[in-house]
């Protein structure tokens, strides 16, 4: 992220980070990890 931001405008850098976050943070695994953490239990990930 830092390398990209160094060579691009602030707007381009923010767009790049937003795009990366959407791609990496969507899905049931993140929700399950957070719920397991809040419930103090081991997560049950699907294969």
PDB file of N, CA and C in Angstrom:
ATOM      1  N   UNK A   1       0.811  -1.173   0.000  1.00  0.00           N
ATOM      2  CA  UNK A   1       0.000   0.000   0.000  1.00  0.00           C
ATOM      3  C   UNK A   1       0.867   1.254   0.000  1.00  0.00           C
ATOM      4  N   UNK A   2       1.883   1.228   0.825  1.00  0.00           N
ATOM      5  CA  UNK A   2       2.746   2.406   0.921  1.00  0.00           C
ATOM      6  C   UNK A   2       3.495   2.633  -0.381  1.00  0.00           C
ATOM      7  N   UNK A   3       3.968   1.567  -0.987  1.00  0.00           N
ATOM      8  CA  UNK A   3       4.686   1.705  -2.258  1.00  0.00           C
ATOM      9  C   UNK A   3       3.772   2.267  -3.339  1.00  0.00           C
ATOM     10  N   UNK A   4       2.537   1.814  -3.378  1.00  0.00           N
ATOM     11  CA  UNK A   4       1.583   2.318  -4.368  1.00  0.00           C
ATOM     12  C   UNK A   4       1.297   3.799  -4.095  1.00  0.00           C
ATOM     13  N   UNK A   5       1.027   4.125  -2.835  1.00  0.00           N
ATOM     14  CA  UNK A   5       0.671   5.496  -2.471  1.00  0.00           C
ATOM     15  C   UNK A   5       1.810   6.475  -2.758  1.00  0.00           C
ATOM     16  N   UNK A   6       3.029   6.000  -2.629  1.00  0.00           N
ATOM     17  CA  UNK A   6       4.185   6.869  -2.864  1.00  0.00           C
ATOM     18  C   UNK A   6       4.225   7.375  -4.298  1.00  0.00           C
ATOM     19  N   UNK A   7       3.798   6.552  -5.237  1.00  0.00           N
ATOM     20  CA  UNK A   7       3.901   6.894  -6.650  1.00  0.00           C
ATOM     21  C   UNK A   7       2.598   7.370  -7.277  1.00  0.00           C
ATOM     22  N   UNK A   8       1.544   7.564  -6.463  1.00  0.00           N
ATOM     23  CA  UNK A   8       0.247   7.973  -6.987  1.00  0.00           C
ATOM     24  C   UNK A   8      -0.346   9.084  -6.129  1.00  0.00           C
ATOM     25  N   UNK A   9      -1.417   9.679  -6.619  1.00  0.00           N
ATOM     26  CA  UNK A   9      -2.071  10.755  -5.871  1.00  0.00           C
ATOM     27  C   UNK A   9      -2.775  10.174  -4.643  1.00  0.00           C
ATOM     28  N   UNK A  10      -3.162  11.060  -3.729  1.00  0.00           N
ATOM     29  CA  UNK A  10      -3.873  10.630  -2.526  1.00  0.00           C
ATOM     30  C   UNK A  10      -5.186   9.949  -2.914  1.00  0.00           C
ATOM     31  N   UNK A  11      -5.914  10.529  -3.845  1.00  0.00           N
ATOM     32  CA  UNK A  11      -7.184   9.942  -4.274  1.00  0.00           C
ATOM     33  C   UNK A  11      -6.977   8.547  -4.860  1.00  0.00           C
ATOM     34  N   UNK A  12      -5.956   8.391  -5.692  1.00  0.00           N
ATOM     35  CA  UNK A  12      -5.667   7.065  -6.266  1.00  0.00           C
ATOM     36  C   UNK A  12      -5.270   6.077  -5.174  1.00  0.00           C
ATOM     37  N   UNK A  13      -4.475   6.520  -4.211  1.00  0.00           N
ATOM     38  CA  UNK A  13      -4.060   5.655  -3.112  1.00  0.00           C
ATOM     39  C   UNK A  13      -5.237   5.191  -2.274  1.00  0.00           C
ATOM     40  N   UNK A  14      -6.155   6.113  -1.971  1.00  0.00           N
ATOM     41  CA  UNK A  14      -7.333   5.748  -1.192  1.00  0.00           C
ATOM     42  C   UNK A  14      -8.233   4.789  -1.958  1.00  0.00           C
ATOM     43  N   UNK A  15      -8.363   5.009  -3.245  1.00  0.00           N
ATOM     44  CA  UNK A  15      -9.161   4.105  -4.074  1.00  0.00           C
ATOM     45  C   UNK A  15      -8.536   2.718  -4.110  1.00  0.00           C
ATOM     46  N   UNK A  16      -7.230   2.654  -4.200  1.00  0.00           N
ATOM     47  CA  UNK A  16      -6.523   1.375  -4.214  1.00  0.00           C
ATOM     48  C   UNK A  16      -6.741   0.619  -2.904  1.00  0.00           C
ATOM     49  N   UNK A  17      -6.637   1.310  -1.783  1.00  0.00           N
ATOM     50  CA  UNK A  17      -6.839   0.683  -0.479  1.00  0.00           C
ATOM     51  C   UNK A  17      -8.280   0.209  -0.344  1.00  0.00           C
ATOM     52  N   UNK A  18      -9.228   1.023  -0.770  1.00  0.00           N
ATOM     53  CA  UNK A  18     -10.640   0.644  -0.687  1.00  0.00           C
ATOM     54  C   UNK A  18     -10.917  -0.605  -1.523  1.00  0.00           C
ATOM     55  N   UNK A  19     -10.359  -0.653  -2.725  1.00  0.00           N
ATOM     56  CA  UNK A  19     -10.552  -1.812  -3.594  1.00  0.00           C
ATOM     57  C   UNK A  19      -9.953  -3.063  -2.965  1.00  0.00           C
ATOM     58  N   UNK A  20      -8.770  -2.950  -2.400  1.00  0.00           N
ATOM     59  CA  UNK A  20      -8.109  -4.087  -1.754  1.00  0.00           C
ATOM     60  C   UNK A  20      -8.927  -4.568  -0.557  1.00  0.00           C
ATOM     61  N   UNK A  21      -9.414  -3.632   0.253  1.00  0.00           N
ATOM     62  CA  UNK A  21     -10.198  -4.006   1.428  1.00  0.00           C
ATOM     63  C   UNK A  21     -11.468  -4.743   1.042  1.00  0.00           C
ATOM     64  N   UNK A  22     -12.150  -4.291   0.020  1.00  0.00           N
ATOM     65  CA  UNK A  22     -13.372  -4.959  -0.423  1.00  0.00           C
ATOM     66  C   UNK A  22     -13.057  -6.378  -0.875  1.00  0.00           C
ATOM     67  N   UNK A  23     -11.968  -6.543  -1.600  1.00  0.00           N
ATOM     68  CA  UNK A  23     -11.615  -7.861  -2.118  1.00  0.00           C
ATOM     69  C   UNK A  23     -11.205  -8.825  -1.005  1.00  0.00           C
ATOM     70  N   UNK A  24     -10.519  -8.328   0.014  1.00  0.00           N
ATOM     71  CA  UNK A  24      -9.969  -9.204   1.042  1.00  0.00           C
ATOM     72  C   UNK A  24     -10.870  -9.378   2.259  1.00  0.00           C
ATOM     73  N   UNK A  25     -11.751  -8.425   2.515  1.00  0.00           N
ATOM     74  CA  UNK A  25     -12.507  -8.471   3.758  1.00  0.00           C
ATOM     75  C   UNK A  25     -13.946  -8.937   3.595  1.00  0.00           C
ATOM     76  N   UNK A  26     -14.351  -9.244   2.386  1.00  0.00           N
ATOM     77  CA  UNK A  26     -15.689  -9.782   2.197  1.00  0.00           C
ATOM     78  C   UNK A  26     -15.644 -11.290   2.351  1.00  0.00           C
ATOM     79  N   UNK A  27     -16.712 -11.833   2.800  1.00  0.00           N
ATOM     80  CA  UNK A  27     -16.778 -13.279   2.934  1.00  0.00           C
ATOM     81  C   UNK A  27     -17.203 -13.673   4.328  1.00  0.00           C
ATOM     82  N   UNK A  28     -17.582 -14.912   4.447  1.00  0.00           N
ATOM     83  CA  UNK A  28     -18.083 -15.411   5.720  1.00  0.00           C
ATOM     84  C   UNK A  28     -16.974 -15.686   6.728  1.00  0.00           C
ATOM     85  N   UNK A  29     -15.754 -15.887   6.267  1.00  0.00           N
ATOM     86  CA  UNK A  29     -14.662 -16.197   7.192  1.00  0.00           C
ATOM     87  C   UNK A  29     -14.385 -15.052   8.152  1.00  0.00           C
ATOM     88  N   UNK A  30     -14.412 -13.824   7.668  1.00  0.00           N
ATOM     89  CA  UNK A  30     -14.166 -12.678   8.536  1.00  0.00           C
ATOM     90  C   UNK A  30     -15.275 -12.565   9.576  1.00  0.00           C
ATOM     91  N   UNK A  31     -16.513 -12.720   9.146  1.00  0.00           N
ATOM     92  CA  UNK A  31     -17.634 -12.651  10.080  1.00  0.00           C
ATOM     93  C   UNK A  31     -17.527 -13.746  11.129  1.00  0.00           C
ATOM     94  N   UNK A  32     -17.204 -14.959  10.711  1.00  0.00           N
ATOM     95  CA  UNK A  32     -17.071 -16.072  11.650  1.00  0.00           C
ATOM     96  C   UNK A  32     -15.928 -15.825  12.625  1.00  0.00           C
ATOM     97  N   UNK A  33     -14.825 -15.304  12.149  1.00  0.00           N
ATOM     98  CA  UNK A  33     -13.687 -15.016  13.023  1.00  0.00           C
ATOM     99  C   UNK A  33     -14.057 -13.982  14.079  1.00  0.00           C
ATOM    100  N   UNK A  34     -14.772 -12.952  13.666  1.00  0.00           N
ATOM    101  CA  UNK A  34     -15.167 -11.907  14.615  1.00  0.00           C
ATOM    102  C   UNK A  34     -16.185 -12.428  15.630  1.00  0.00           C
ATOM    103  N   UNK A  35     -17.155 -13.202  15.162  1.00  0.00           N
ATOM    104  CA  UNK A  35     -18.161 -13.748  16.070  1.00  0.00           C
ATOM    105  C   UNK A  35     -17.535 -14.729  17.060  1.00  0.00           C
ATOM    106  N   UNK A  36     -16.598 -15.540  16.583  1.00  0.00           N
ATOM    107  CA  UNK A  36     -15.917 -16.481  17.467  1.00  0.00           C
ATOM    108  C   UNK A  36     -15.087 -15.736  18.505  1.00  0.00           C
ATOM    109  N   UNK A  37     -14.423 -14.693  18.084  1.00  0.00           N
ATOM    110  CA  UNK A  37     -13.619 -13.900  19.014  1.00  0.00           C
ATOM    111  C   UNK A  37     -14.503 -13.254  20.080  1.00  0.00           C
ATOM    112  N   UNK A  38     -15.620 -12.681  19.658  1.00  0.00           N
ATOM    113  CA  UNK A  38     -16.531 -12.048  20.618  1.00  0.00           C
ATOM    114  C   UNK A  38     -17.162 -13.069  21.552  1.00  0.00           C
ATOM    115  N   UNK A  39     -17.397 -14.278  21.050  1.00  0.00           N
ATOM    116  CA  UNK A  39     -17.984 -15.335  21.862  1.00  0.00           C
ATOM    117  C   UNK A  39     -16.948 -16.165  22.609  1.00  0.00           C
ATOM    118  N   UNK A  40     -15.683 -15.781  22.480  1.00  0.00           N
ATOM    119  CA  UNK A  40     -14.571 -16.489  23.146  1.00  0.00           C
ATOM    120  C   UNK A  40     -14.613 -17.992  22.860  1.00  0.00           C
ATOM    121  N   UNK A  41     -14.724 -18.292  21.564  1.00  0.00           N
ATOM    122  CA  UNK A  41     -14.747 -19.684  21.118  1.00  0.00           C
ATOM    123  C   UNK A  41     -13.861 -19.832  19.898  1.00  0.00           C
ATOM    124  N   UNK A  42     -13.568 -21.060  19.548  1.00  0.00           N
ATOM    125  CA  UNK A  42     -12.770 -21.314  18.340  1.00  0.00           C
ATOM    126  C   UNK A  42     -13.650 -21.123  17.115  1.00  0.00           C
ATOM    127  N   UNK A  43     -13.110 -20.522  16.056  1.00  0.00           N
ATOM    128  CA  UNK A  43     -13.913 -20.327  14.851  1.00  0.00           C
ATOM    129  C   UNK A  43     -14.156 -21.646  14.124  1.00  0.00           C
ATOM    130  N   UNK A  44     -15.272 -21.722  13.439  1.00  0.00           N
ATOM    131  CA  UNK A  44     -15.612 -22.906  12.646  1.00  0.00           C
ATOM    132  C   UNK A  44     -15.670 -22.539  11.178  1.00  0.00           C
ATOM    133  N   UNK A  45     -14.528 -22.580  10.517  1.00  0.00           N
ATOM    134  CA  UNK A  45     -14.455 -22.193   9.109  1.00  0.00           C
ATOM    135  C   UNK A  45     -14.896 -23.351   8.220  1.00  0.00           C
ATOM    136  N   UNK A  46     -15.605 -23.007   7.146  1.00  0.00           N
ATOM    137  CA  UNK A  46     -16.001 -24.009   6.153  1.00  0.00           C
ATOM    138  C   UNK A  46     -14.882 -24.186   5.151  1.00  0.00           C
ATOM    139  N   UNK A  47     -14.723 -25.369   4.624  1.00  0.00           N
ATOM    140  CA  UNK A  47     -13.674 -25.623   3.620  1.00  0.00           C
ATOM    141  C   UNK A  47     -14.116 -25.160   2.271  1.00  0.00           C
TER     142      UNK A  47
END
